[in-house]
Protein backbone atom coordinates (compact mmCIF):
# COMPACT_ATOMS: atom_id res chain seq x y z
CA MET A 1 87.11 104.68 134.97
CA GLU A 2 87.54 102.36 131.91
CA THR A 3 86.71 103.97 128.64
CA ASN A 4 86.58 100.37 127.02
CA GLN A 5 82.97 100.39 128.78
CA LEU A 6 81.64 103.23 126.74
CA LEU A 7 81.49 104.08 123.30
CA GLN A 8 83.70 106.51 121.49
CA GLY A 9 81.31 109.07 120.59
CA GLU A 10 80.57 109.02 124.54
CA VAL A 11 84.27 109.84 125.36
CA LEU A 12 84.66 112.46 123.08
CA ALA A 13 81.34 114.41 124.35
CA ASN A 14 83.05 113.85 127.74
CA LEU A 15 86.48 114.89 127.00
CA LEU A 16 85.21 117.96 125.15
CA GLN A 17 83.41 119.27 128.08
CA GLU A 18 86.34 119.32 130.60
CA LYS A 19 88.05 123.23 130.40
CA GLY A 20 90.08 125.11 132.88
CA THR A 21 91.45 122.14 134.90
CA PRO A 22 95.17 120.30 134.45
CA CYS A 23 94.27 117.41 131.93
CA LEU A 24 97.37 114.78 131.00
CA THR A 25 97.30 113.77 126.86
CA LEU A 26 99.29 110.49 126.61
CA THR A 27 99.64 108.80 123.05
CA VAL A 28 102.23 106.13 122.29
CA SER A 29 102.00 103.77 119.35
CA LEU A 30 102.67 100.17 120.19
CA GLU A 31 105.02 97.59 118.79
CA LYS A 32 102.61 94.40 117.75
CA LEU A 33 105.49 92.10 116.56
CA ASN A 34 108.22 90.25 118.48
CA PRO A 35 111.04 90.98 118.94
CA ALA A 36 110.17 94.68 118.89
CA ARG A 37 107.18 93.89 120.87
CA GLU A 38 109.34 93.27 124.19
CA SER A 39 109.93 97.17 124.13
CA ASN A 40 106.38 98.18 124.96
CA HIS A 41 107.04 97.57 128.50
CA ARG A 42 109.54 100.29 128.74
CA ILE A 43 108.12 102.18 126.10
CA LEU A 44 104.96 102.75 128.63
CA GLN A 45 107.05 103.17 131.46
CA ASP A 46 109.28 106.18 129.84
CA CYS A 47 106.02 107.35 128.97
CA ALA A 48 104.63 107.33 132.43
CA LYS A 49 107.77 108.58 134.06
CA LYS A 50 107.76 111.84 131.96
CA ALA A 51 104.50 112.65 132.60
CA ALA A 52 105.36 112.74 136.03
CA ALA A 53 108.39 114.70 135.34
CA GLN A 54 106.44 116.97 133.38
CA TRP A 55 103.51 117.75 136.25
CA GLN A 56 106.75 118.50 138.76
CA LEU A 57 108.09 120.92 136.38
CA LEU A 58 104.53 122.64 135.74
CA TYR A 59 102.73 122.43 138.91
CA PRO A 60 105.51 122.17 141.52
CA GLY A 61 104.80 121.27 145.13
CA GLU A 62 101.13 120.26 144.14
CA ASN A 63 99.58 116.86 144.69
CA GLY A 64 99.41 114.68 141.31
CA ASN A 65 98.20 111.76 143.36
CA PHE A 66 94.60 111.91 140.62
CA PHE A 67 96.40 111.10 137.88
CA LEU A 68 99.20 108.59 139.39
CA LYS A 69 97.10 106.10 140.18
CA PRO A 70 94.86 105.78 137.21
CA LEU A 71 97.94 105.98 135.06
CA HIS A 72 99.26 103.01 136.31
CA ASP A 73 96.27 101.02 136.72
CA PHE A 74 95.71 101.76 132.84
CA LEU A 75 99.37 100.47 132.21
CA GLU A 76 99.04 97.51 134.23
CA LYS A 77 96.32 96.40 132.58
CA ILE A 78 97.35 96.59 128.77
CA ASP A 79 97.75 93.46 127.07
CA LEU A 80 101.57 93.25 126.22
CA THR A 81 100.97 89.80 124.63
CA SER A 82 98.59 91.12 122.30
CA PRO A 83 98.59 95.06 122.40
CA PRO A 84 96.96 97.19 120.40
CA MET A 85 98.61 99.37 117.46
CA GLY A 86 98.10 102.51 120.20
CA ILE A 87 96.84 103.55 123.36
CA GLY A 88 95.01 107.24 124.26
CA ILE A 89 95.18 107.91 127.87
CA TYR A 90 92.96 110.87 129.03
CA ILE A 91 93.28 111.56 132.84
CA SER A 92 91.77 115.12 134.58
CA PRO A 93 90.48 115.51 138.36
CA THR A 94 87.24 114.44 136.97
CA GLN A 95 87.43 111.45 134.91
CA ALA A 96 90.25 108.98 133.14
CA HIS A 97 89.91 107.19 129.91
CA CYS A 98 92.15 104.85 128.09
CA VAL A 99 91.31 104.45 124.70
CA GLN A 100 92.93 101.81 122.15
CA PHE A 101 93.60 103.15 118.91
CA PRO A 102 93.42 100.86 115.50
CA PHE A 103 96.36 103.24 114.13
CA GLY A 104 99.59 104.02 115.26
CA PRO A 105 99.49 107.66 116.77
CA GLN A 106 102.16 109.73 117.22
CA MET A 107 103.80 110.06 120.79
CA ARG A 108 102.27 113.27 122.56
CA ILE A 109 102.25 113.69 126.21
CA CYS A 110 100.59 116.65 127.21
CA TRP A 111 99.49 118.78 129.85
CA TYR A 112 97.03 121.38 129.32
CA ASP A 113 94.18 123.33 130.96
CA ARG A 114 92.00 120.56 128.01
CA PHE A 115 92.51 117.62 126.08
CA LEU A 116 93.86 116.75 122.92
CA ILE A 117 91.31 114.88 121.21
CA ARG A 118 92.51 115.05 117.57
CA ASP A 119 92.89 110.84 117.35
CA LEU A 120 89.52 110.46 119.16
CA VAL A 121 88.33 111.80 116.18
CA TYR A 122 89.91 110.37 113.71
CA GLN A 123 89.03 107.59 115.04
CA GLN A 124 85.36 108.04 114.82
CA GLN A 125 86.26 108.58 110.86
CA LEU A 126 87.79 105.25 110.92
CA GLN A 127 84.99 103.42 112.98
CA GLN A 128 81.95 105.08 111.78
CA ARG A 129 78.87 104.22 113.70
CA PHE A 130 76.61 102.53 110.99
CA LEU A 131 73.34 100.18 110.41
CA LEU A 132 73.09 96.70 110.06
CA LEU A 133 70.55 95.19 108.50
CA THR A 134 70.64 91.24 108.54
CA ILE A 135 67.51 89.50 105.62
CA THR A 136 67.33 85.72 106.02
CA GLU A 137 63.48 83.70 104.27
CA LYS A 138 62.25 84.18 107.88
CA ARG A 139 62.89 87.58 109.48
CA ALA A 140 64.78 90.79 109.22
CA ARG A 141 66.73 92.26 112.26
CA LEU A 142 68.12 95.89 112.48
CA TYR A 143 71.01 96.95 114.41
CA SER A 144 73.19 100.44 115.74
CA CYS A 145 76.92 99.02 115.27
CA GLU A 146 79.77 101.16 116.27
CA ASN A 147 82.75 99.13 115.22
CA ASP A 148 82.10 95.21 116.29
CA GLN A 149 79.77 96.50 119.00
CA CYS A 150 76.34 96.06 117.95
CA THR A 151 72.98 97.16 119.89
CA PRO A 152 69.69 95.63 118.19
CA ILE A 153 66.93 98.35 117.44
CA GLN A 154 63.94 97.04 118.74
CA ASP A 155 61.24 97.92 115.48
CA GLY A 156 57.99 95.51 115.60
CA ALA A 157 57.85 95.99 111.73
CA ILE A 158 61.29 95.14 111.00
CA SER A 159 62.52 92.66 113.65
CA THR A 160 58.74 90.46 113.85
CA PRO A 161 59.53 87.13 112.41
CA TYR A 162 57.99 86.34 109.48
CA TYR A 163 55.50 84.16 109.03
CA ASP A 164 53.41 82.41 105.55
CA ASN A 165 50.40 83.31 107.32
CA TYR A 166 48.19 82.12 104.42
CA GLU A 167 46.45 79.04 103.52
CA TYR A 168 47.92 77.90 99.96
CA ASN A 169 45.00 76.12 97.96
CA VAL A 170 45.45 73.84 94.57
CA PRO A 171 42.93 75.68 92.44
CA ALA A 172 40.01 73.25 91.25
CA ARG A 173 38.65 72.03 88.35
CA SER A 174 35.66 73.50 87.15
CA THR A 175 32.64 71.50 86.28
CA SER A 176 30.64 70.75 83.10
CA TYR A 177 28.35 72.71 84.04
CA ALA A 178 29.92 75.80 83.94
CA GLY A 179 29.25 75.94 80.30
CA HIS A 180 31.12 78.56 77.96
CA SER A 181 32.73 80.15 80.92
CA HIS A 182 34.87 77.14 81.77
CA VAL A 183 38.58 77.81 81.37
CA LYS A 184 41.75 75.98 82.37
CA SER A 185 42.43 76.11 85.80
CA TYR A 186 46.13 77.56 86.11
CA GLU A 187 48.37 77.07 89.41
CA ARG A 188 51.44 79.67 90.46
CA GLU A 189 54.25 77.61 91.51
CA LYS A 190 54.20 77.64 95.47
CA GLU A 191 57.76 79.39 95.80
CA GLU A 192 56.36 82.29 93.31
CA VAL A 193 53.24 83.15 95.91
CA ILE A 194 56.05 82.62 98.73
CA ALA A 195 58.33 85.30 97.44
CA ALA A 196 54.97 87.80 96.50
CA HIS A 197 54.08 87.28 100.51
CA ARG A 198 58.08 87.70 101.61
CA LYS A 199 58.01 90.71 99.17
CA LYS A 200 55.16 92.75 100.98
CA TYR A 201 56.95 92.15 104.60
CA LEU A 202 60.28 93.51 102.98
CA LYS A 203 58.12 96.57 101.79
CA GLY A 204 57.27 97.29 105.41
CA VAL A 205 60.84 96.62 106.14
CA ARG A 206 62.09 99.27 103.70
CA GLU A 207 59.27 102.04 104.64
CA ARG A 208 60.61 101.78 108.53
CA LEU A 209 64.33 101.64 107.62
CA SER A 210 63.47 105.29 106.46
CA GLN A 211 63.12 106.75 110.26
CA TYR A 212 66.80 105.02 111.18
CA ARG A 213 68.69 106.22 107.96
CA THR A 214 70.44 109.57 108.05
CA LEU A 215 72.92 111.53 105.70
CA GLN A 216 76.17 110.43 108.03
CA THR A 217 75.04 106.48 108.65
CA PRO A 218 75.94 104.44 106.40
CA LEU A 219 73.62 101.44 105.83
CA VAL A 220 74.61 97.82 105.98
CA ILE A 221 72.57 94.57 104.38
CA VAL A 222 74.28 91.63 105.11
CA GLY A 223 71.85 88.73 103.09
CA GLN A 224 71.59 86.56 100.03
CA LYS A 225 71.64 88.53 96.36
CA GLU A 226 68.21 87.50 95.99
CA LEU A 227 66.63 88.45 99.26
CA GLN A 228 68.26 92.19 98.58
CA ALA A 229 66.96 92.34 95.49
CA GLU A 230 63.40 91.38 97.09
CA LEU A 231 63.92 94.21 99.60
CA ASP A 232 64.45 96.70 96.74
CA LEU A 233 66.16 99.64 98.13
CA ALA A 234 66.66 102.21 95.96
CA ASP A 235 70.34 103.47 95.88
CA ASN A 236 70.58 107.18 96.86
CA THR A 237 73.39 108.67 96.59
CA GLN A 238 72.93 111.00 99.46
CA GLU A 239 72.80 108.05 101.69
CA PRO A 240 75.72 105.48 101.32
CA VAL A 241 74.27 101.71 101.35
CA VAL A 242 76.65 99.05 101.72
CA TYR A 243 75.74 95.44 100.16
CA VAL A 244 77.39 92.14 101.56
CA HIS A 245 76.18 88.91 99.88
CA ARG A 246 76.22 86.42 102.94
CA ASP A 247 73.87 84.02 104.81
CA PRO A 248 73.74 85.84 108.34
CA SER A 249 71.81 82.82 109.65
CA HIS A 250 74.57 81.41 111.10
CA ASP A 251 76.98 84.45 112.11
CA SER A 252 76.44 86.44 115.38
CA PRO A 253 75.77 90.08 115.00
CA SER A 254 79.78 91.01 116.32
CA THR A 255 81.20 88.93 113.77
CA LEU A 256 78.63 90.18 110.69
CA ALA A 257 79.84 94.01 112.05
CA LYS A 258 83.56 93.31 111.65
CA LEU A 259 82.85 92.25 107.81
CA ALA A 260 81.36 95.33 107.64
CA ILE A 261 84.37 97.68 109.22
CA ALA A 262 86.13 97.76 105.95
CA PRO A 263 83.50 98.54 103.27
CA VAL A 264 82.16 101.00 105.77
CA TYR A 265 85.58 102.65 105.25
CA ALA A 266 85.87 102.35 101.87
CA VAL A 267 82.61 104.55 101.91
CA GLN A 268 84.11 107.35 104.23
CA GLU A 269 87.20 107.17 101.72
CA LYS A 270 84.76 108.06 99.22
CA LYS A 271 83.19 110.80 101.26
CA VAL A 272 86.43 112.49 101.85
CA GLU A 273 87.45 111.85 98.30
CA LYS A 274 84.18 113.86 97.37
CA MET A 275 84.94 116.53 99.33
CA ILE A 276 88.10 117.51 98.68
CA GLY A 277 86.76 117.60 95.20
CA ASP A 278 83.83 119.87 95.95
CA TRP A 279 86.62 122.41 97.64
CA LYS A 280 88.73 122.18 94.49
CA GLU A 281 85.28 123.16 92.67
CA LEU A 282 84.02 126.07 95.10
CA VAL A 283 87.86 128.22 95.03
CA GLY A 284 87.21 131.56 93.67
CA LYS A 285 83.75 131.46 94.88
CA GLY A 286 84.53 132.35 98.17
CA PHE A 287 83.26 129.58 99.98
CA THR A 288 86.65 128.46 100.72
CA ARG A 289 89.84 128.69 102.97
CA SER A 290 92.54 127.41 103.17
CA GLY A 291 95.80 127.40 105.81
CA LEU A 292 96.10 127.53 109.47
CA GLN A 293 95.26 131.05 110.00
CA ALA A 294 92.22 131.88 107.50
CA CYS A 295 90.90 128.42 108.76
CA TRP A 296 91.01 129.11 112.76
CA ARG A 297 89.10 132.90 111.79
CA ALA A 298 86.27 131.49 109.99
CA ALA A 299 86.20 128.61 112.61
CA GLN A 300 85.77 131.22 115.22
CA GLU A 301 83.27 132.94 113.46
CA GLY A 302 81.03 129.93 112.98
CA ASN A 303 81.79 129.87 109.58
CA CYS A 304 82.89 126.06 108.65
CA ARG A 305 80.99 123.60 107.23
CA ILE A 306 83.57 120.95 106.28
CA LEU A 307 86.89 121.20 107.57
CA LEU A 308 89.59 118.72 105.60
CA LEU A 309 93.25 118.26 107.32
CA GLU A 310 96.17 116.11 107.13
CA GLN A 311 96.40 113.03 109.73
CA SER A 312 99.56 114.08 111.27
CA TYR A 313 99.31 117.68 110.70
CA SER A 314 100.29 119.32 113.95
CA LYS A 315 101.54 123.17 114.68
CA ALA A 316 102.01 125.32 118.09
CA GLY A 317 99.91 128.54 117.77
CA TYR A 318 99.80 131.80 119.86
CA LEU A 319 96.90 134.04 120.96
CA LEU A 320 97.26 137.92 121.77
CA SER A 321 93.86 139.58 122.99
CA ASP A 322 92.17 139.03 119.75
CA PRO A 323 91.07 135.09 119.41
CA TYR A 324 90.42 135.51 116.03
CA TYR A 325 93.59 136.19 115.03
CA LEU A 326 96.25 132.93 115.65
CA PHE A 327 100.10 133.84 115.31
CA LEU A 328 102.49 130.73 114.27
CA SER A 329 105.33 132.28 116.01
CA PRO A 330 105.23 134.06 119.46
CA PRO A 331 104.59 137.74 119.32
CA ILE A 332 105.99 139.95 121.80
CA GLY A 333 104.39 140.79 124.49
CA LYS A 334 101.76 138.62 126.67
CA HIS A 335 100.18 136.10 124.93
CA THR A 336 98.73 132.08 125.40
CA THR A 337 100.48 129.48 124.03
CA LEU A 338 98.43 126.49 122.57
CA PRO A 339 100.34 123.41 122.21
CA ASP A 340 98.46 121.93 119.14
CA ALA A 341 96.61 125.01 117.56
CA VAL A 342 95.26 122.22 115.03
CA ASP A 343 93.53 120.80 117.82
CA ASP A 344 91.82 123.68 119.18
CA LEU A 345 90.79 124.12 115.62
CA ILE A 346 89.07 120.67 115.91
CA LYS A 347 87.48 121.58 119.02
CA VAL A 348 86.15 124.87 117.59
CA VAL A 349 84.62 123.47 114.41
CA LEU A 350 82.69 120.36 116.46
CA GLU A 351 81.69 123.09 119.10
CA LYS A 352 79.90 124.96 116.45
CA GLY A 353 78.42 122.10 114.63
CA GLY A 354 81.27 121.41 111.82
CA THR A 355 81.92 118.03 110.22
CA VAL A 356 86.02 117.35 110.60
CA LEU A 357 87.69 114.85 108.27
CA PHE A 358 91.24 113.68 108.04
CA THR A 359 93.26 112.99 104.61
CA PRO A 360 96.11 111.36 104.36
CA ASP A 361 99.69 112.78 104.54
CA GLU A 362 100.60 115.39 101.44
CA ILE A 363 97.06 115.19 99.61
CA LEU A 364 96.30 118.57 101.00
CA PHE A 365 100.09 120.08 100.02
CA THR A 366 98.79 123.05 98.11
CA GLN A 367 96.01 123.86 100.41
CA GLN A 368 99.07 124.08 103.34
CA LYS A 369 97.73 120.93 104.85
CA VAL A 370 94.41 122.48 106.24
CA ALA A 371 91.20 123.42 104.41
CA LEU A 372 87.91 124.55 104.81
CA ILE A 373 84.36 124.65 103.09
CA THR A 374 82.12 128.25 104.59
CA ARG A 375 78.56 128.02 105.75
CA TYR A 376 78.37 130.98 103.35
């Protein structure tokens, strides 16, 4: 099955459900510029050979056709003339996905009883879902966007075209019979009357927006500056709003969504910076953990609200009978090896309803590359 037909959130949810069966995770960066780009074919073929060799080593004599065919199908369909910055291939006996990344992931070829998902989680942070509202003088439209994929939200109060359903009459001059009640007639500018009626329509749009906004979903408003002012959407620091001053009449929703990706990512960067600041303020109050072992125990206890970790941080881990204690070097006796304990930590946090945020490398140096804000 090709992943391009699915939203990234659906792919991640499917991968999280896979446990206990042989799972191949293959991630690799690709070269986009010549002459280095010519090496991409060799790099991909080498990865395929290494994956097959690891299978033979780990499961000698067992049939590996369930992954060989989809693996080669995915590799053949990659456009090497205009390659992505990186790809991730995830194959198990029940599902197969190929994901294109807008960043260069570390090369990983890993057979495990579940998938490594960190790159997908990081991609969701880069390409977060957001709401896109376009405003023209005649109507507003609302879309749910993930990257440049837009799905219209059919809401009558928002998407119904606005019409001037009133009759504009010039005030009539009063007669001499009016006596002392005679007053000078006053005529408002027609544009003022139209704007007043349009504000009433935009008020209904503003009220309906509250049904779709969440603390985690940025709202991008595309329209002329005057119309955005008429919408009069009061900024709420808990609900991020991004304004793009542009007439959306002549652009497709996909084009507008691409324009919004950069400012939405800037909102995410500010969110990460704020979380790091919150962590520092909570130090000494019992609501923080730092280091992989301390964060592992808190996550296993369900006591993780926010997990912060450096994007490239990876570390093998080892478990004995107590799943709450993580060893960072092989213990004496029979133990379970985790190829990437950081990836397993991410899974635990997500499964228990926590939030995972990646930071640039070296940002969490004093926190031993991973930090956590507890629930209690």
